[in-house]
């Protein structure tokens, strides 16, 4: 894994993320890691004390992490949301739309290419956490 890419201005959270099971068994952790298939909703009662949630993408085709991110953002989580694992450049703009604001890919991502990916599509089709207005709303009010 390469160094994390952060799209946040706040201070970097230094505490390592613990597993969801470990997090639920202790009271002092402020960083948690959700593995593919784990239920992000288990964190909802604790969102006010979590500074970092890392969501694992074990394979580029595994989209469960997108749903977990969307659930957390829709529930009011404002801390760092980091996608880790098999994070590819082609997915990063979609991940950003679901609320990810940090990335820890297995392979390096060129920062210039990442910025280009964020700007590639002027219009979007669905409403997500990034508050961009879907194209159908532009067309139909």
N, C-alpha and C. Protein backbone atom coordinates (compact mmCIF):
# COMPACT_ATOMS: atom_id res chain seq x y z
N UNK A 1 0.84 -1.17 0.00
CA UNK A 1 0.00 0.00 0.00
C UNK A 1 0.89 1.24 0.00
N UNK A 2 0.46 2.25 -0.71
CA UNK A 2 1.21 3.50 -0.79
C UNK A 2 0.65 4.49 0.23
N UNK A 3 1.31 5.63 0.34
CA UNK A 3 0.85 6.66 1.28
C UNK A 3 -0.54 7.15 0.90
N UNK A 4 -1.34 7.43 1.91
CA UNK A 4 -2.72 7.86 1.68
C UNK A 4 -2.76 9.22 0.99
N UNK A 5 -3.74 9.37 0.12
CA UNK A 5 -4.03 10.64 -0.55
C UNK A 5 -5.21 11.24 0.19
N UNK A 6 -5.04 12.42 0.73
CA UNK A 6 -6.13 13.07 1.49
C UNK A 6 -6.63 14.30 0.74
N UNK A 7 -7.95 14.44 0.68
CA UNK A 7 -8.58 15.60 0.07
C UNK A 7 -9.28 16.40 1.16
N UNK A 8 -8.64 16.50 2.30
CA UNK A 8 -9.16 17.21 3.47
C UNK A 8 -8.12 18.20 3.94
N UNK A 9 -8.58 19.24 4.61
CA UNK A 9 -7.68 20.26 5.13
C UNK A 9 -7.39 20.09 6.62
N UNK A 10 -8.11 19.21 7.29
CA UNK A 10 -7.89 19.05 8.72
C UNK A 10 -6.64 18.23 9.01
N UNK A 11 -6.33 18.10 10.27
CA UNK A 11 -5.13 17.40 10.70
C UNK A 11 -5.24 15.90 10.40
N UNK A 12 -4.13 15.30 10.00
CA UNK A 12 -4.09 13.87 9.71
C UNK A 12 -4.31 13.08 11.00
N UNK A 13 -5.15 12.08 10.93
CA UNK A 13 -5.41 11.22 12.08
C UNK A 13 -4.33 10.14 12.14
N UNK A 14 -3.58 10.13 13.20
CA UNK A 14 -2.42 9.24 13.31
C UNK A 14 -2.74 7.87 13.89
N UNK A 15 -3.81 7.75 14.62
CA UNK A 15 -4.15 6.48 15.27
C UNK A 15 -4.48 5.42 14.22
N UNK A 16 -3.89 4.23 14.34
CA UNK A 16 -4.23 3.17 13.36
C UNK A 16 -5.67 2.71 13.54
N UNK A 17 -6.28 2.35 12.45
CA UNK A 17 -7.67 1.87 12.48
C UNK A 17 -7.71 0.45 13.02
N UNK A 18 -8.69 0.21 13.89
CA UNK A 18 -8.91 -1.12 14.43
C UNK A 18 -10.05 -1.77 13.66
N UNK A 19 -10.17 -3.07 13.77
CA UNK A 19 -11.26 -3.78 13.10
C UNK A 19 -12.59 -3.34 13.69
N UNK A 20 -13.65 -3.54 12.95
CA UNK A 20 -14.98 -3.19 13.43
C UNK A 20 -15.30 -3.95 14.71
N UNK A 21 -14.97 -5.22 14.75
CA UNK A 21 -15.22 -6.03 15.95
C UNK A 21 -14.47 -5.47 17.15
N UNK A 22 -13.20 -5.13 16.97
CA UNK A 22 -12.42 -4.56 18.07
C UNK A 22 -12.98 -3.22 18.50
N UNK A 23 -13.37 -2.41 17.54
CA UNK A 23 -13.95 -1.10 17.84
C UNK A 23 -15.18 -1.24 18.71
N UNK A 24 -16.06 -2.16 18.36
CA UNK A 24 -17.30 -2.34 19.11
C UNK A 24 -17.06 -2.89 20.51
N UNK A 25 -15.90 -3.53 20.73
CA UNK A 25 -15.56 -4.09 22.03
C UNK A 25 -14.80 -3.13 22.94
N UNK A 26 -14.45 -1.95 22.47
CA UNK A 26 -13.70 -1.00 23.29
C UNK A 26 -14.35 0.37 23.24
N UNK A 27 -13.92 1.23 24.11
CA UNK A 27 -14.57 2.53 24.17
C UNK A 27 -13.66 3.69 23.79
N UNK A 28 -12.39 3.44 23.52
CA UNK A 28 -11.47 4.55 23.31
C UNK A 28 -10.92 4.69 21.89
N UNK A 29 -11.25 3.82 20.98
CA UNK A 29 -10.74 3.91 19.62
C UNK A 29 -11.45 5.03 18.86
N UNK A 30 -10.70 5.72 18.01
CA UNK A 30 -11.30 6.80 17.19
C UNK A 30 -11.10 6.55 15.70
N UNK A 31 -10.56 5.40 15.36
CA UNK A 31 -10.36 5.02 13.96
C UNK A 31 -10.76 3.55 13.80
N UNK A 32 -11.54 3.28 12.76
CA UNK A 32 -12.05 1.92 12.56
C UNK A 32 -11.94 1.54 11.09
N UNK A 33 -11.74 0.25 10.85
CA UNK A 33 -11.64 -0.29 9.49
C UNK A 33 -12.80 -1.23 9.25
N UNK A 34 -13.52 -1.00 8.16
CA UNK A 34 -14.63 -1.87 7.78
C UNK A 34 -14.16 -2.74 6.62
N UNK A 35 -14.24 -4.02 6.82
CA UNK A 35 -13.89 -4.97 5.76
C UNK A 35 -15.11 -5.19 4.87
N UNK A 36 -14.88 -5.64 3.67
CA UNK A 36 -15.97 -5.93 2.73
C UNK A 36 -16.97 -6.89 3.37
N UNK A 37 -18.23 -6.53 3.29
CA UNK A 37 -19.28 -7.38 3.83
C UNK A 37 -19.70 -7.03 5.25
N UNK A 38 -18.92 -6.22 5.95
CA UNK A 38 -19.32 -5.82 7.30
C UNK A 38 -20.36 -4.69 7.21
N UNK A 39 -21.21 -4.63 8.19
CA UNK A 39 -22.32 -3.68 8.17
C UNK A 39 -21.91 -2.34 8.77
N UNK A 40 -21.79 -1.33 7.93
CA UNK A 40 -21.40 0.01 8.37
C UNK A 40 -22.42 0.60 9.35
N UNK A 41 -23.64 0.14 9.30
CA UNK A 41 -24.68 0.68 10.19
C UNK A 41 -24.39 0.42 11.66
N UNK A 42 -23.51 -0.56 11.94
CA UNK A 42 -23.14 -0.82 13.33
C UNK A 42 -22.38 0.36 13.94
N UNK A 43 -21.81 1.21 13.11
CA UNK A 43 -21.07 2.38 13.59
C UNK A 43 -21.95 3.59 13.86
N UNK A 44 -23.17 3.58 13.41
CA UNK A 44 -24.02 4.78 13.48
C UNK A 44 -24.13 5.37 14.89
N UNK A 45 -24.23 4.57 15.95
CA UNK A 45 -24.31 5.19 17.29
C UNK A 45 -23.01 5.86 17.74
N UNK A 46 -21.92 5.62 17.04
CA UNK A 46 -20.61 6.10 17.48
C UNK A 46 -20.00 7.16 16.56
N UNK A 47 -20.71 7.61 15.57
CA UNK A 47 -20.14 8.51 14.57
C UNK A 47 -19.58 9.80 15.16
N UNK A 48 -20.13 10.25 16.27
CA UNK A 48 -19.66 11.51 16.86
C UNK A 48 -18.27 11.40 17.48
N UNK A 49 -17.78 10.19 17.72
CA UNK A 49 -16.45 10.06 18.32
C UNK A 49 -15.42 9.39 17.39
N UNK A 50 -15.80 9.14 16.16
CA UNK A 50 -14.89 8.51 15.20
C UNK A 50 -14.29 9.59 14.29
N UNK A 51 -12.96 9.58 14.18
CA UNK A 51 -12.28 10.56 13.33
C UNK A 51 -11.92 10.00 11.96
N UNK A 52 -11.78 8.68 11.88
CA UNK A 52 -11.38 8.03 10.63
C UNK A 52 -12.11 6.71 10.48
N UNK A 53 -12.73 6.54 9.32
CA UNK A 53 -13.30 5.24 8.96
C UNK A 53 -12.65 4.84 7.65
N UNK A 54 -11.99 3.71 7.67
CA UNK A 54 -11.32 3.17 6.49
C UNK A 54 -12.16 2.01 5.98
N UNK A 55 -12.50 2.04 4.70
CA UNK A 55 -13.32 1.00 4.10
C UNK A 55 -12.48 0.24 3.08
N UNK A 56 -12.41 -1.05 3.25
CA UNK A 56 -11.57 -1.90 2.41
C UNK A 56 -12.27 -2.28 1.11
N UNK A 57 -11.51 -2.19 0.02
CA UNK A 57 -11.93 -2.68 -1.29
C UNK A 57 -10.98 -3.82 -1.64
N UNK A 58 -11.38 -5.08 -1.39
CA UNK A 58 -10.47 -6.20 -1.63
C UNK A 58 -10.22 -6.46 -3.11
N UNK A 59 -11.17 -6.06 -3.96
CA UNK A 59 -11.04 -6.23 -5.41
C UNK A 59 -11.79 -5.09 -6.09
N UNK A 60 -11.31 -4.64 -7.24
CA UNK A 60 -11.92 -3.49 -7.90
C UNK A 60 -13.38 -3.71 -8.23
N UNK A 61 -13.81 -4.94 -8.40
CA UNK A 61 -15.19 -5.23 -8.74
C UNK A 61 -16.12 -5.35 -7.55
N UNK A 62 -15.60 -5.21 -6.35
CA UNK A 62 -16.41 -5.32 -5.14
C UNK A 62 -16.93 -3.94 -4.76
N UNK A 63 -18.21 -3.69 -4.99
CA UNK A 63 -18.78 -2.37 -4.78
C UNK A 63 -19.44 -2.15 -3.43
N UNK A 64 -19.30 -3.09 -2.51
CA UNK A 64 -19.97 -2.94 -1.22
C UNK A 64 -19.48 -1.72 -0.45
N UNK A 65 -18.25 -1.32 -0.67
CA UNK A 65 -17.70 -0.16 0.03
C UNK A 65 -18.38 1.14 -0.35
N UNK A 66 -18.87 1.23 -1.58
CA UNK A 66 -19.62 2.42 -2.01
C UNK A 66 -20.88 2.58 -1.15
N UNK A 67 -21.58 1.49 -0.95
CA UNK A 67 -22.81 1.53 -0.14
C UNK A 67 -22.50 1.90 1.30
N UNK A 68 -21.43 1.34 1.85
CA UNK A 68 -21.05 1.66 3.23
C UNK A 68 -20.75 3.15 3.36
N UNK A 69 -20.01 3.71 2.41
CA UNK A 69 -19.68 5.14 2.44
C UNK A 69 -20.94 5.98 2.37
N UNK A 70 -21.85 5.64 1.48
CA UNK A 70 -23.08 6.40 1.32
C UNK A 70 -23.91 6.35 2.60
N UNK A 71 -24.01 5.21 3.22
CA UNK A 71 -24.76 5.07 4.47
C UNK A 71 -24.16 5.97 5.54
N UNK A 72 -22.84 5.96 5.67
CA UNK A 72 -22.18 6.76 6.70
C UNK A 72 -22.36 8.25 6.46
N UNK A 73 -22.19 8.70 5.23
CA UNK A 73 -22.35 10.12 4.93
C UNK A 73 -23.82 10.56 5.10
N UNK A 74 -24.75 9.76 4.65
CA UNK A 74 -26.16 10.11 4.81
C UNK A 74 -26.57 10.15 6.28
N UNK A 75 -25.84 9.44 7.12
CA UNK A 75 -26.12 9.42 8.55
C UNK A 75 -25.42 10.54 9.30
N UNK A 76 -24.70 11.38 8.58
CA UNK A 76 -24.09 12.54 9.19
C UNK A 76 -22.62 12.45 9.51
N UNK A 77 -21.97 11.37 9.13
CA UNK A 77 -20.54 11.25 9.42
C UNK A 77 -19.76 12.31 8.64
N UNK A 78 -18.96 13.10 9.37
CA UNK A 78 -18.20 14.19 8.74
C UNK A 78 -16.69 13.98 8.83
N UNK A 79 -16.25 12.91 9.46
CA UNK A 79 -14.82 12.65 9.58
C UNK A 79 -14.23 12.11 8.30
N UNK A 80 -12.95 11.75 8.38
CA UNK A 80 -12.26 11.21 7.21
C UNK A 80 -12.82 9.84 6.84
N UNK A 81 -13.11 9.69 5.57
CA UNK A 81 -13.62 8.43 5.04
C UNK A 81 -12.63 7.98 3.97
N UNK A 82 -11.89 6.92 4.26
CA UNK A 82 -10.77 6.50 3.42
C UNK A 82 -11.08 5.17 2.72
N UNK A 83 -10.94 5.16 1.41
CA UNK A 83 -11.04 3.93 0.62
C UNK A 83 -9.64 3.32 0.55
N UNK A 84 -9.53 2.05 0.90
CA UNK A 84 -8.21 1.41 0.86
C UNK A 84 -8.29 0.09 0.12
N UNK A 85 -7.14 -0.33 -0.39
CA UNK A 85 -7.07 -1.61 -1.08
C UNK A 85 -6.98 -1.45 -2.59
N UNK A 86 -7.81 -2.20 -3.29
CA UNK A 86 -7.76 -2.21 -4.75
C UNK A 86 -8.56 -1.02 -5.31
N UNK A 87 -8.02 0.17 -5.07
CA UNK A 87 -8.63 1.43 -5.49
C UNK A 87 -7.95 1.84 -6.79
N UNK A 88 -8.73 1.95 -7.86
CA UNK A 88 -8.18 2.27 -9.17
C UNK A 88 -8.58 3.68 -9.60
N UNK A 89 -7.79 4.26 -10.44
CA UNK A 89 -8.05 5.60 -10.95
C UNK A 89 -9.45 5.71 -11.57
N UNK A 90 -9.88 4.69 -12.28
CA UNK A 90 -11.19 4.71 -12.94
C UNK A 90 -12.35 4.80 -11.94
N UNK A 91 -12.12 4.41 -10.71
CA UNK A 91 -13.18 4.38 -9.70
C UNK A 91 -13.18 5.61 -8.80
N UNK A 92 -12.08 6.31 -8.76
CA UNK A 92 -11.88 7.31 -7.73
C UNK A 92 -12.90 8.46 -7.77
N UNK A 93 -13.33 8.87 -8.95
CA UNK A 93 -14.33 9.95 -9.00
C UNK A 93 -15.67 9.46 -8.46
N UNK A 94 -16.01 8.20 -8.70
CA UNK A 94 -17.25 7.62 -8.17
C UNK A 94 -17.15 7.47 -6.65
N UNK A 95 -15.98 7.09 -6.18
CA UNK A 95 -15.78 6.98 -4.74
C UNK A 95 -15.92 8.35 -4.07
N UNK A 96 -15.38 9.35 -4.72
CA UNK A 96 -15.48 10.73 -4.19
C UNK A 96 -16.93 11.15 -4.11
N UNK A 97 -17.72 10.80 -5.10
CA UNK A 97 -19.14 11.15 -5.11
C UNK A 97 -19.90 10.48 -3.98
N UNK A 98 -19.44 9.31 -3.53
CA UNK A 98 -20.10 8.61 -2.43
C UNK A 98 -19.63 9.10 -1.06
N UNK A 99 -18.67 10.01 -1.05
CA UNK A 99 -18.25 10.58 0.22
C UNK A 99 -16.83 10.31 0.65
N UNK A 100 -16.10 9.52 -0.11
CA UNK A 100 -14.70 9.28 0.25
C UNK A 100 -13.90 10.56 0.07
N UNK A 101 -13.08 10.88 1.04
CA UNK A 101 -12.23 12.06 0.94
C UNK A 101 -10.77 11.73 1.21
N UNK A 102 -10.45 10.44 1.22
CA UNK A 102 -9.07 9.98 1.35
C UNK A 102 -8.98 8.60 0.69
N UNK A 103 -7.79 8.30 0.19
CA UNK A 103 -7.59 7.06 -0.56
C UNK A 103 -6.24 6.46 -0.18
N UNK A 104 -6.23 5.16 0.05
CA UNK A 104 -4.99 4.44 0.34
C UNK A 104 -4.93 3.25 -0.62
N UNK A 105 -4.56 3.50 -1.87
CA UNK A 105 -4.56 2.44 -2.88
C UNK A 105 -3.38 1.49 -2.72
N UNK A 106 -3.56 0.28 -3.20
CA UNK A 106 -2.46 -0.69 -3.21
C UNK A 106 -1.34 -0.24 -4.14
N UNK A 107 -1.70 0.42 -5.22
CA UNK A 107 -0.74 0.90 -6.22
C UNK A 107 -0.83 2.41 -6.31
N UNK A 108 0.28 3.08 -6.61
CA UNK A 108 0.26 4.55 -6.67
C UNK A 108 -0.71 5.08 -7.73
N UNK A 109 -1.29 6.23 -7.42
CA UNK A 109 -2.17 6.93 -8.34
C UNK A 109 -1.54 8.28 -8.63
N UNK A 110 -1.42 8.60 -9.90
CA UNK A 110 -0.84 9.88 -10.32
C UNK A 110 -1.81 11.00 -9.91
N UNK A 111 -1.35 11.96 -9.08
CA UNK A 111 -2.24 13.04 -8.62
C UNK A 111 -2.84 13.87 -9.75
N UNK A 112 -2.09 14.11 -10.80
CA UNK A 112 -2.61 14.88 -11.93
C UNK A 112 -3.73 14.11 -12.63
N UNK A 113 -3.54 12.82 -12.82
CA UNK A 113 -4.57 11.98 -13.45
C UNK A 113 -5.81 11.91 -12.56
N UNK A 114 -5.60 11.91 -11.24
CA UNK A 114 -6.72 11.88 -10.32
C UNK A 114 -7.56 13.15 -10.45
N UNK A 115 -6.91 14.30 -10.51
CA UNK A 115 -7.63 15.56 -10.69
C UNK A 115 -8.40 15.57 -12.02
N UNK A 116 -7.79 15.04 -13.06
CA UNK A 116 -8.47 14.94 -14.35
C UNK A 116 -9.71 14.05 -14.24
N UNK A 117 -9.60 12.97 -13.49
CA UNK A 117 -10.73 12.05 -13.32
C UNK A 117 -11.89 12.74 -12.60
N UNK A 118 -11.58 13.59 -11.62
CA UNK A 118 -12.63 14.31 -10.91
C UNK A 118 -13.38 15.27 -11.82
N UNK A 119 -12.72 15.79 -12.83
CA UNK A 119 -13.32 16.78 -13.72
C UNK A 119 -13.86 16.18 -15.02
N UNK A 120 -13.69 14.90 -15.22
CA UNK A 120 -14.01 14.26 -16.49
C UNK A 120 -15.47 14.41 -16.89
N UNK A 121 -16.38 14.22 -15.95
CA UNK A 121 -17.80 14.25 -16.29
C UNK A 121 -18.44 15.50 -15.70
N UNK A 122 -18.91 16.36 -16.58
CA UNK A 122 -19.54 17.61 -16.13
C UNK A 122 -20.86 17.35 -15.43
N UNK A 123 -21.63 16.38 -15.92
CA UNK A 123 -22.93 16.07 -15.36
C UNK A 123 -22.94 14.67 -14.76
N UNK A 124 -23.80 14.48 -13.77
CA UNK A 124 -23.94 13.19 -13.10
C UNK A 124 -25.39 12.74 -13.21
N UNK A 125 -25.63 11.45 -13.02
CA UNK A 125 -26.97 10.90 -13.19
C UNK A 125 -27.72 10.66 -11.89
N UNK A 126 -26.98 10.42 -10.80
CA UNK A 126 -27.66 10.15 -9.55
C UNK A 126 -27.20 11.10 -8.45
N UNK A 127 -28.09 11.33 -7.50
CA UNK A 127 -27.75 12.15 -6.34
C UNK A 127 -26.93 11.29 -5.37
N UNK A 128 -25.87 11.86 -4.85
CA UNK A 128 -25.05 11.16 -3.85
C UNK A 128 -24.58 12.15 -2.81
N UNK A 129 -23.59 11.77 -2.05
CA UNK A 129 -23.11 12.58 -0.93
C UNK A 129 -22.41 13.86 -1.34
N UNK A 130 -21.98 13.99 -2.57
CA UNK A 130 -21.20 15.17 -2.95
C UNK A 130 -22.07 16.38 -3.31
N UNK A 131 -23.37 16.22 -3.25
CA UNK A 131 -24.32 17.32 -3.45
C UNK A 131 -24.37 17.86 -4.88
N UNK A 132 -23.74 17.19 -5.84
CA UNK A 132 -23.87 17.64 -7.23
C UNK A 132 -25.29 17.36 -7.70
N UNK A 133 -25.82 18.27 -8.45
CA UNK A 133 -27.20 18.16 -8.93
C UNK A 133 -27.23 17.21 -10.13
N UNK A 134 -28.07 16.17 -10.06
CA UNK A 134 -28.17 15.23 -11.18
C UNK A 134 -28.70 15.92 -12.44
N UNK A 135 -28.31 15.41 -13.58
CA UNK A 135 -28.67 16.04 -14.85
C UNK A 135 -30.18 16.09 -15.06
N UNK A 136 -30.90 15.08 -14.61
CA UNK A 136 -32.35 15.09 -14.79
C UNK A 136 -32.99 16.25 -14.04
N UNK A 137 -32.40 16.67 -12.93
CA UNK A 137 -32.95 17.80 -12.20
C UNK A 137 -32.66 19.11 -12.94
N UNK A 138 -31.51 19.17 -13.61
CA UNK A 138 -31.21 20.34 -14.46
C UNK A 138 -32.23 20.44 -15.59
N UNK A 139 -32.59 19.29 -16.14
CA UNK A 139 -33.48 19.28 -17.28
C UNK A 139 -34.95 19.50 -16.90
N UNK A 140 -35.34 18.93 -15.75
CA UNK A 140 -36.77 18.91 -15.39
C UNK A 140 -37.11 19.69 -14.13
N UNK A 141 -36.15 20.37 -13.56
CA UNK A 141 -36.41 21.21 -12.39
C UNK A 141 -36.57 20.53 -11.10
